[in-house]
Amino acid sequence: MVSDSTLWKTLKVVITGNIISYQSFNKKEEMFGFLYSLDIPTLSDTTRQQLEVNFTLEEVKSAIRSFPNGKACGPDGFGIKFYKAHINILAPLLLRMINDSITRGSFPDTLYDANICLLLKKGRDAGNANDHIGMLIHSDQTGFIPERYAFSNTRRLLNVLYTTKLPRAAVLSLEAQQAFDQIEWNYMICALQKFSFGDRFMTMIKRLYSRPKSCVIINNNRSTPFQLHRGTRQGCCLSPILFALALEPLAIAIRANQDIVGIKHGTSESIIGLYAHDVVLTLSDMEETIPPLLDPIKTFGQFSGFTINWEKSVLMPLSGNLNLQSVHNLPFKVAPDHLQYLGI
């Protein structure tokens, strides 16, 4: 029988080893080369200035009211009900702290702390930024974008399935590996700068992601705190937008590659559709398209953290004369007559 103390020591060794591996990732040169080779849309001067203004008291109160009740507290033990009950006292203090922290370039250390609880898994308003996100992200990406909906991606895919008559056409569904938890912050910051966000806005993002720490809780024992370097912050209303912006350069690279051939309908061409971490590609001339498609996906994953689970990714041919024997070592599965996308 293994004692609790021995088990805990073993768990600490395993956790520490994974933390060291977790902290060692860095590919700046490749990241910069990838991003600065792309024609990425940028914010206008007017929009950039709108995102640079100070927060207001009403915005802080609105943020407090928007949080749902019943969520877990942070390490300090104060839940959202406490903030709502004392909103008139706390909101002015929070406003001073937020604006002062942005000016000084650092939040209080306690704001960076978090706990991670391991749970058994069954089976296997972002404010002004939200208003402007649509001008930076192509209509191919619909997740978390105001007035864009999942059914648009589903409808477009069904149109391709039922109307295309192109030879050697196929649909490729990509399964991302824990996408929201894997985005590298160095890459995310670099991508936001390439989108031309202003200095004050970038300072706010950098402060949020500069020194967060977490502890792993097992059997009510907390591990040694460790620095986080990847993953959008859970529960933050800005996280979905940051994830969508971080993913957009991959879509830009795929659309810009002339060797990747999509499926044309009249004057338009459908190549890629994105909803959160679900990526679907509609492709033709598969034998020639597959190699140049895999290169940017794998390169992007090396520095961004957005990597594909190829074993769960599926290609479905749309024509009977598709021959992939000339393409060696395909990383994904080929399903002759079905695939699942957005629950359908």
Protein backbone atom coordinates (compact mmCIF):
# COMPACT_ATOMS: atom_id res chain seq x y z
CA MET A 1 0.00 0.00 0.00
CA VAL A 2 1.43 3.37 -1.04
CA SER A 3 1.17 6.04 1.66
CA ASP A 4 -0.41 9.44 1.01
CA SER A 5 2.92 11.20 1.56
CA THR A 6 4.72 8.95 -0.94
CA LEU A 7 1.94 9.42 -3.48
CA TRP A 8 2.06 13.19 -3.02
CA LYS A 9 5.86 13.26 -3.44
CA THR A 10 5.53 11.23 -6.64
CA LEU A 11 2.83 13.54 -7.96
CA LYS A 12 4.99 16.58 -7.18
CA VAL A 13 7.89 15.08 -9.17
CA VAL A 14 5.60 14.37 -12.14
CA ILE A 15 4.01 17.82 -11.98
CA THR A 16 7.38 19.58 -11.66
CA GLY A 17 8.74 17.66 -14.65
CA ASN A 18 5.78 18.68 -16.76
CA ILE A 19 6.12 22.29 -15.61
CA ILE A 20 9.77 22.40 -16.73
CA SER A 21 8.79 20.97 -20.12
CA TYR A 22 5.88 23.42 -20.29
CA GLN A 23 8.16 26.44 -19.75
CA SER A 24 10.83 25.56 -22.33
CA PHE A 25 8.97 26.43 -25.55
CA ASN A 26 10.29 29.36 -27.63
CA LYS A 27 10.45 29.88 -31.40
CA LYS A 28 10.57 33.63 -31.89
CA GLU A 29 12.43 33.84 -35.20
CA GLU A 30 10.09 31.43 -36.96
CA MET A 31 7.08 33.19 -35.44
CA PHE A 32 8.19 36.65 -36.62
CA GLY A 33 9.02 35.34 -40.09
CA PHE A 34 5.59 33.75 -40.44
CA LEU A 35 3.58 36.76 -39.23
CA TYR A 36 5.49 39.43 -41.12
CA SER A 37 5.22 37.53 -44.39
CA LEU A 38 1.40 37.87 -44.28
CA ASP A 39 -0.85 40.71 -45.40
CA ILE A 40 -2.74 41.05 -42.10
CA PRO A 41 -5.52 43.67 -41.82
CA THR A 42 -4.86 46.51 -39.36
CA LEU A 43 -7.01 48.86 -37.29
CA SER A 44 -7.71 52.38 -38.49
CA ASP A 45 -6.32 55.30 -36.47
CA THR A 46 -9.83 56.18 -35.25
CA THR A 47 -10.58 52.66 -34.05
CA ARG A 48 -7.18 52.38 -32.40
CA GLN A 49 -7.80 55.61 -30.46
CA GLN A 50 -11.21 54.36 -29.30
CA LEU A 51 -9.51 51.37 -27.69
CA GLU A 52 -6.93 53.57 -25.94
CA VAL A 53 -9.25 55.55 -23.62
CA ASN A 54 -9.41 55.04 -19.83
CA PHE A 55 -11.96 52.72 -18.32
CA THR A 56 -15.01 54.34 -16.72
CA LEU A 57 -16.81 53.61 -13.46
CA GLU A 58 -19.90 52.41 -15.33
CA GLU A 59 -17.80 49.95 -17.36
CA VAL A 60 -16.38 48.46 -14.16
CA LYS A 61 -19.87 48.14 -12.64
CA SER A 62 -21.20 46.61 -15.85
CA ALA A 63 -18.39 44.05 -15.84
CA ILE A 64 -19.16 43.08 -12.22
CA ARG A 65 -22.88 42.70 -12.95
CA SER A 66 -22.20 40.59 -16.06
CA PHE A 67 -20.41 37.81 -14.18
CA PRO A 68 -22.65 34.78 -13.49
CA ASN A 69 -23.18 33.70 -9.89
CA GLY A 70 -22.05 30.34 -8.61
CA LYS A 71 -18.57 30.34 -10.15
CA ALA A 72 -15.50 29.27 -8.18
CA CYS A 73 -13.67 31.94 -6.17
CA GLY A 74 -10.05 32.85 -6.75
CA PRO A 75 -7.31 32.13 -4.19
CA ASP A 76 -8.53 35.03 -2.00
CA GLY A 77 -11.92 33.34 -1.46
CA PHE A 78 -14.08 36.31 -2.53
CA GLY A 79 -16.81 35.29 -4.99
CA ILE A 80 -18.68 37.48 -7.45
CA LYS A 81 -21.65 37.77 -5.06
CA PHE A 82 -19.40 39.72 -2.68
CA TYR A 83 -18.49 42.19 -5.44
CA LYS A 84 -22.12 42.56 -6.50
CA ALA A 85 -23.30 43.13 -2.93
CA HIS A 86 -20.74 45.91 -2.37
CA ILE A 87 -20.50 47.22 -5.93
CA ASN A 88 -20.79 50.91 -5.00
CA ILE A 89 -17.86 50.63 -2.58
CA LEU A 90 -15.64 48.30 -4.60
CA ALA A 91 -16.15 49.57 -8.17
CA PRO A 92 -14.42 52.98 -7.60
CA LEU A 93 -11.49 51.22 -5.92
CA LEU A 94 -11.21 48.72 -8.77
CA LEU A 95 -11.35 51.55 -11.31
CA ARG A 96 -8.45 53.35 -9.62
CA MET A 97 -6.46 50.12 -9.43
CA ILE A 98 -7.04 49.22 -13.10
CA ASN A 99 -6.18 52.61 -14.58
CA ASP A 100 -3.20 53.08 -12.25
CA SER A 101 -1.89 49.59 -13.05
CA ILE A 102 -2.05 50.26 -16.79
CA THR A 103 -0.17 53.54 -16.31
CA ARG A 104 2.49 51.92 -14.09
CA GLY A 105 2.72 48.84 -16.30
CA SER A 106 1.97 46.23 -13.66
CA PHE A 107 -1.03 44.82 -11.77
CA PRO A 108 -0.80 43.79 -8.09
CA ASP A 109 0.83 40.38 -7.73
CA THR A 110 -2.33 38.82 -6.26
CA LEU A 111 -4.22 39.45 -9.51
CA TYR A 112 -1.91 37.02 -11.29
CA ASP A 113 -2.56 34.09 -8.92
CA ALA A 114 -4.86 31.18 -9.74
CA ASN A 115 -5.55 27.62 -8.63
CA ILE A 116 -5.98 24.66 -10.97
CA CYS A 117 -8.31 21.89 -9.74
CA LEU A 118 -8.19 18.51 -11.48
CA LEU A 119 -11.69 17.25 -12.30
CA LEU A 120 -12.86 13.93 -13.67
CA LYS A 121 -14.09 14.40 -17.23
CA LYS A 122 -17.24 12.53 -18.23
CA GLY A 123 -16.53 10.43 -21.26
CA ARG A 124 -14.00 11.75 -23.18
CA ASP A 125 -18.80 41.03 -23.21
CA ALA A 126 -15.49 42.11 -24.31
CA GLY A 127 -16.54 45.77 -24.59
CA ASN A 128 -15.07 47.98 -27.29
CA ALA A 129 -12.77 45.30 -28.66
CA ASN A 130 -15.84 43.21 -29.45
CA ASP A 131 -17.30 46.05 -31.52
CA HIS A 132 -14.29 46.22 -33.85
CA ILE A 133 -13.23 42.59 -34.10
CA GLY A 134 -15.19 41.94 -37.31
CA MET A 135 -13.04 44.33 -39.36
CA LEU A 136 -9.90 42.31 -38.57
CA ILE A 137 -11.22 38.77 -38.99
CA HIS A 138 -12.36 37.33 -42.32
CA SER A 139 -15.96 36.16 -42.65
CA ASP A 140 -14.65 32.57 -42.88
CA GLN A 141 -14.23 32.68 -39.07
CA THR A 142 -17.48 32.93 -37.11
CA GLY A 143 -16.74 31.85 -33.53
CA PHE A 144 -17.10 34.65 -30.92
CA ILE A 145 -17.57 37.34 -33.59
CA PRO A 146 -20.66 39.57 -33.13
CA GLU A 147 -23.45 38.84 -35.63
CA ARG A 148 -21.68 35.74 -36.98
CA TYR A 149 -23.14 32.32 -36.32
CA ALA A 150 -22.16 28.66 -36.49
CA PHE A 151 -24.97 27.86 -38.93
CA SER A 152 -23.18 30.00 -41.55
CA ASN A 153 -20.26 27.57 -41.54
CA THR A 154 -22.57 24.57 -41.54
CA ARG A 155 -24.69 25.96 -44.38
CA ARG A 156 -21.64 26.75 -46.49
CA LEU A 157 -20.24 23.26 -45.97
CA LEU A 158 -23.57 21.67 -46.93
CA ASN A 159 -23.66 23.80 -50.08
CA VAL A 160 -20.25 22.43 -51.02
CA LEU A 161 -21.26 18.84 -50.27
CA TYR A 162 -24.43 18.95 -52.37
CA THR A 163 -23.33 21.10 -55.30
CA THR A 164 -19.70 20.43 -56.09
CA LYS A 165 -19.00 18.32 -59.14
CA LEU A 166 -15.27 18.90 -59.24
CA PRO A 167 -13.00 15.88 -59.64
CA ARG A 168 -10.48 15.18 -56.88
CA ALA A 169 -12.36 17.31 -54.31
CA ALA A 170 -12.58 16.61 -50.58
CA VAL A 171 -13.44 18.05 -47.17
CA LEU A 172 -10.79 17.98 -44.44
CA SER A 173 -11.91 18.41 -40.82
CA LEU A 174 -9.09 19.27 -38.40
CA GLU A 175 -9.23 18.44 -34.68
CA ALA A 176 -7.16 20.84 -32.55
CA GLN A 177 -5.43 19.66 -29.38
CA GLN A 178 -6.72 21.56 -26.33
CA ALA A 179 -6.61 24.71 -28.41
CA PHE A 180 -7.66 27.30 -25.81
CA ASP A 181 -5.12 25.98 -23.31
CA GLN A 182 -2.20 25.88 -25.75
CA ILE A 183 -1.93 29.33 -27.41
CA GLU A 184 1.54 30.72 -26.66
CA TRP A 185 1.43 34.21 -25.16
CA ASN A 186 4.58 35.43 -26.92
CA TYR A 187 2.95 34.57 -30.22
CA MET A 188 -0.43 36.06 -29.22
CA ILE A 189 1.18 39.40 -28.28
CA CYS A 190 3.13 39.48 -31.54
CA ALA A 191 -0.02 38.74 -33.55
CA LEU A 192 -1.97 41.54 -31.82
CA GLN A 193 0.84 43.98 -32.59
CA LYS A 194 0.70 42.93 -36.24
CA PHE A 195 -3.03 43.77 -36.23
CA SER A 196 -1.94 47.30 -35.21
CA PHE A 197 -3.54 47.64 -31.79
CA GLY A 198 -2.45 50.78 -29.93
CA ASP A 199 0.15 51.07 -27.16
CA ARG A 200 -2.31 51.45 -24.27
CA PHE A 201 -4.46 48.52 -25.40
CA MET A 202 -1.34 46.36 -25.81
CA THR A 203 -0.16 47.41 -22.34
CA MET A 204 -3.45 46.18 -20.87
CA ILE A 205 -3.12 42.80 -22.60
CA LYS A 206 0.54 42.43 -21.62
CA ARG A 207 -0.26 43.20 -18.00
CA LEU A 208 -3.00 40.57 -17.95
CA TYR A 209 -0.62 37.97 -19.35
CA SER A 210 2.72 39.06 -17.89
CA ARG A 211 3.08 37.14 -14.61
CA PRO A 212 0.13 34.79 -13.98
CA LYS A 213 0.90 31.88 -11.68
CA SER A 214 -1.04 28.76 -10.82
CA CYS A 215 -0.96 25.93 -8.32
CA VAL A 216 -2.27 22.43 -8.90
CA ILE A 217 -4.60 21.22 -6.13
CA ILE A 218 -4.65 17.47 -5.45
CA ASN A 219 -6.30 16.08 -2.30
CA ASN A 220 -6.36 19.62 -0.84
CA ASN A 221 -2.58 19.94 -1.28
CA ARG A 222 -1.30 22.88 -3.34
CA SER A 223 1.78 22.43 -5.50
CA THR A 224 4.56 25.00 -5.69
CA PRO A 225 3.32 28.00 -7.76
CA PHE A 226 4.56 27.99 -11.35
CA GLN A 227 4.50 30.59 -14.10
CA LEU A 228 2.01 30.23 -16.96
CA HIS A 229 3.10 30.97 -20.52
CA ARG A 230 0.22 29.74 -22.66
CA GLY A 231 -3.54 29.42 -22.87
CA THR A 232 -6.24 32.08 -22.83
CA ARG A 233 -7.49 32.83 -19.31
CA GLN A 234 -10.65 30.94 -18.36
CA GLY A 235 -13.62 33.08 -17.38
CA CYS A 236 -12.24 36.24 -19.01
CA CYS A 237 -14.68 37.78 -21.51
CA LEU A 238 -11.74 38.92 -23.65
CA SER A 239 -10.31 35.40 -24.06
CA PRO A 240 -12.54 34.24 -26.98
CA ILE A 241 -11.63 37.36 -28.99
CA LEU A 242 -7.92 36.93 -28.29
CA PHE A 243 -8.15 33.31 -29.41
CA ALA A 244 -9.93 34.25 -32.65
CA LEU A 245 -7.32 36.92 -33.42
CA ALA A 246 -4.49 34.49 -32.66
CA LEU A 247 -5.94 31.93 -35.06
CA GLU A 248 -6.63 34.33 -37.95
CA PRO A 249 -3.01 34.47 -39.30
CA LEU A 250 -3.18 30.74 -40.04
CA ALA A 251 -6.34 31.28 -42.09
CA ILE A 252 -4.69 34.23 -43.88
CA ALA A 253 -1.66 32.10 -44.75
CA ILE A 254 -3.84 29.30 -46.16
CA ARG A 255 -6.03 31.66 -48.23
CA ALA A 256 -2.95 33.47 -49.59
CA ASN A 257 -1.18 30.31 -50.75
CA GLN A 258 -1.83 29.94 -54.48
CA ASP A 259 -0.87 26.26 -54.36
CA ILE A 260 -3.82 25.49 -52.05
CA VAL A 261 -6.88 25.10 -54.28
CA GLY A 262 -10.35 25.48 -52.80
CA ILE A 263 -13.77 24.79 -54.30
CA LYS A 264 -15.18 27.56 -56.48
CA HIS A 265 -18.81 28.64 -56.74
CA GLY A 266 -19.14 31.23 -59.48
CA THR A 267 -16.70 34.02 -58.62
CA SER A 268 -16.15 32.97 -54.99
CA GLU A 269 -13.89 30.27 -53.63
CA SER A 270 -14.42 28.31 -50.43
CA ILE A 271 -11.22 27.11 -48.77
CA ILE A 272 -11.44 27.35 -44.99
CA GLY A 273 -14.11 27.73 -42.31
CA LEU A 274 -13.36 28.30 -38.63
CA TYR A 275 -15.56 28.21 -35.56
CA ALA A 276 -13.49 28.45 -32.37
CA HIS A 277 -11.03 25.54 -32.58
CA ASP A 278 -13.02 23.65 -35.25
CA VAL A 279 -11.39 24.03 -38.66
CA VAL A 280 -12.80 22.64 -41.91
CA LEU A 281 -11.18 22.91 -45.35
CA THR A 282 -12.92 22.39 -48.69
CA LEU A 283 -10.31 21.50 -51.27
CA SER A 284 -9.86 20.37 -54.85
CA ASP A 285 -6.86 19.05 -56.83
CA MET A 286 -6.05 17.13 -53.66
CA GLU A 287 -2.86 15.45 -54.83
CA GLU A 288 -1.24 18.85 -55.46
CA THR A 289 -2.97 20.72 -52.61
CA ILE A 290 -2.18 18.48 -49.62
CA PRO A 291 1.62 19.06 -49.34
CA PRO A 292 1.48 22.91 -49.43
CA LEU A 293 -1.47 22.80 -47.01
CA LEU A 294 0.29 20.74 -44.35
CA ASP A 295 3.41 22.95 -44.27
CA PRO A 296 1.83 26.18 -42.88
CA ILE A 297 -0.36 24.21 -40.45
CA LYS A 298 2.64 22.42 -38.94
CA THR A 299 4.83 25.55 -38.97
CA PHE A 300 2.09 27.60 -37.29
CA GLY A 301 1.68 24.98 -34.58
CA GLN A 302 5.38 25.02 -33.70
CA PHE A 303 5.38 28.61 -32.42
CA SER A 304 1.69 29.37 -31.76
CA GLY A 305 0.82 26.32 -29.68
CA PHE A 306 -2.21 25.61 -31.92
CA THR A 307 -1.45 22.03 -32.90
CA ILE A 308 -3.58 19.47 -34.68
CA ASN A 309 -4.53 16.04 -33.39
CA TRP A 310 -4.01 14.31 -36.71
CA GLU A 311 -5.32 10.97 -35.45
CA LYS A 312 -8.76 12.56 -34.95
CA SER A 313 -8.66 14.65 -38.14
CA VAL A 314 -10.66 13.26 -41.05
CA LEU A 315 -10.68 13.74 -44.82
CA MET A 316 -13.86 12.86 -46.74
CA PRO A 317 -13.59 12.60 -50.55
CA LEU A 318 -16.36 14.28 -52.55
CA SER A 319 -15.65 12.40 -55.77
CA GLY A 320 -15.04 8.78 -56.58
CA ASN A 321 -11.86 9.37 -58.57
CA LEU A 322 -9.77 10.79 -55.73
CA ASN A 323 -6.38 9.07 -55.60
CA LEU A 324 -4.11 9.96 -52.69
CA GLN A 325 -1.59 7.16 -53.20
CA SER A 326 0.87 9.66 -54.66
CA VAL A 327 0.82 11.64 -51.39
CA HIS A 328 2.97 9.78 -48.90
CA ASN A 329 2.51 9.59 -45.12
CA LEU A 330 -0.84 11.32 -44.82
CA PRO A 331 -1.22 12.30 -41.14
CA PHE A 332 -5.03 12.15 -41.08
CA LYS A 333 -7.64 9.44 -41.55
CA VAL A 334 -9.69 9.08 -44.74
CA ALA A 335 -13.42 8.46 -44.23
CA PRO A 336 -15.15 7.48 -47.48
CA ASP A 337 -18.66 8.71 -46.70
CA HIS A 338 -18.99 10.74 -43.48
CA LEU A 339 -17.43 13.20 -41.04
CA GLN A 340 -18.68 15.23 -38.07
CA TYR A 341 -18.56 19.04 -38.02
CA LEU A 342 -20.02 21.32 -35.33
CA GLY A 343 -22.07 18.47 -33.93
CA ILE A 344 -23.60 17.43 -37.27
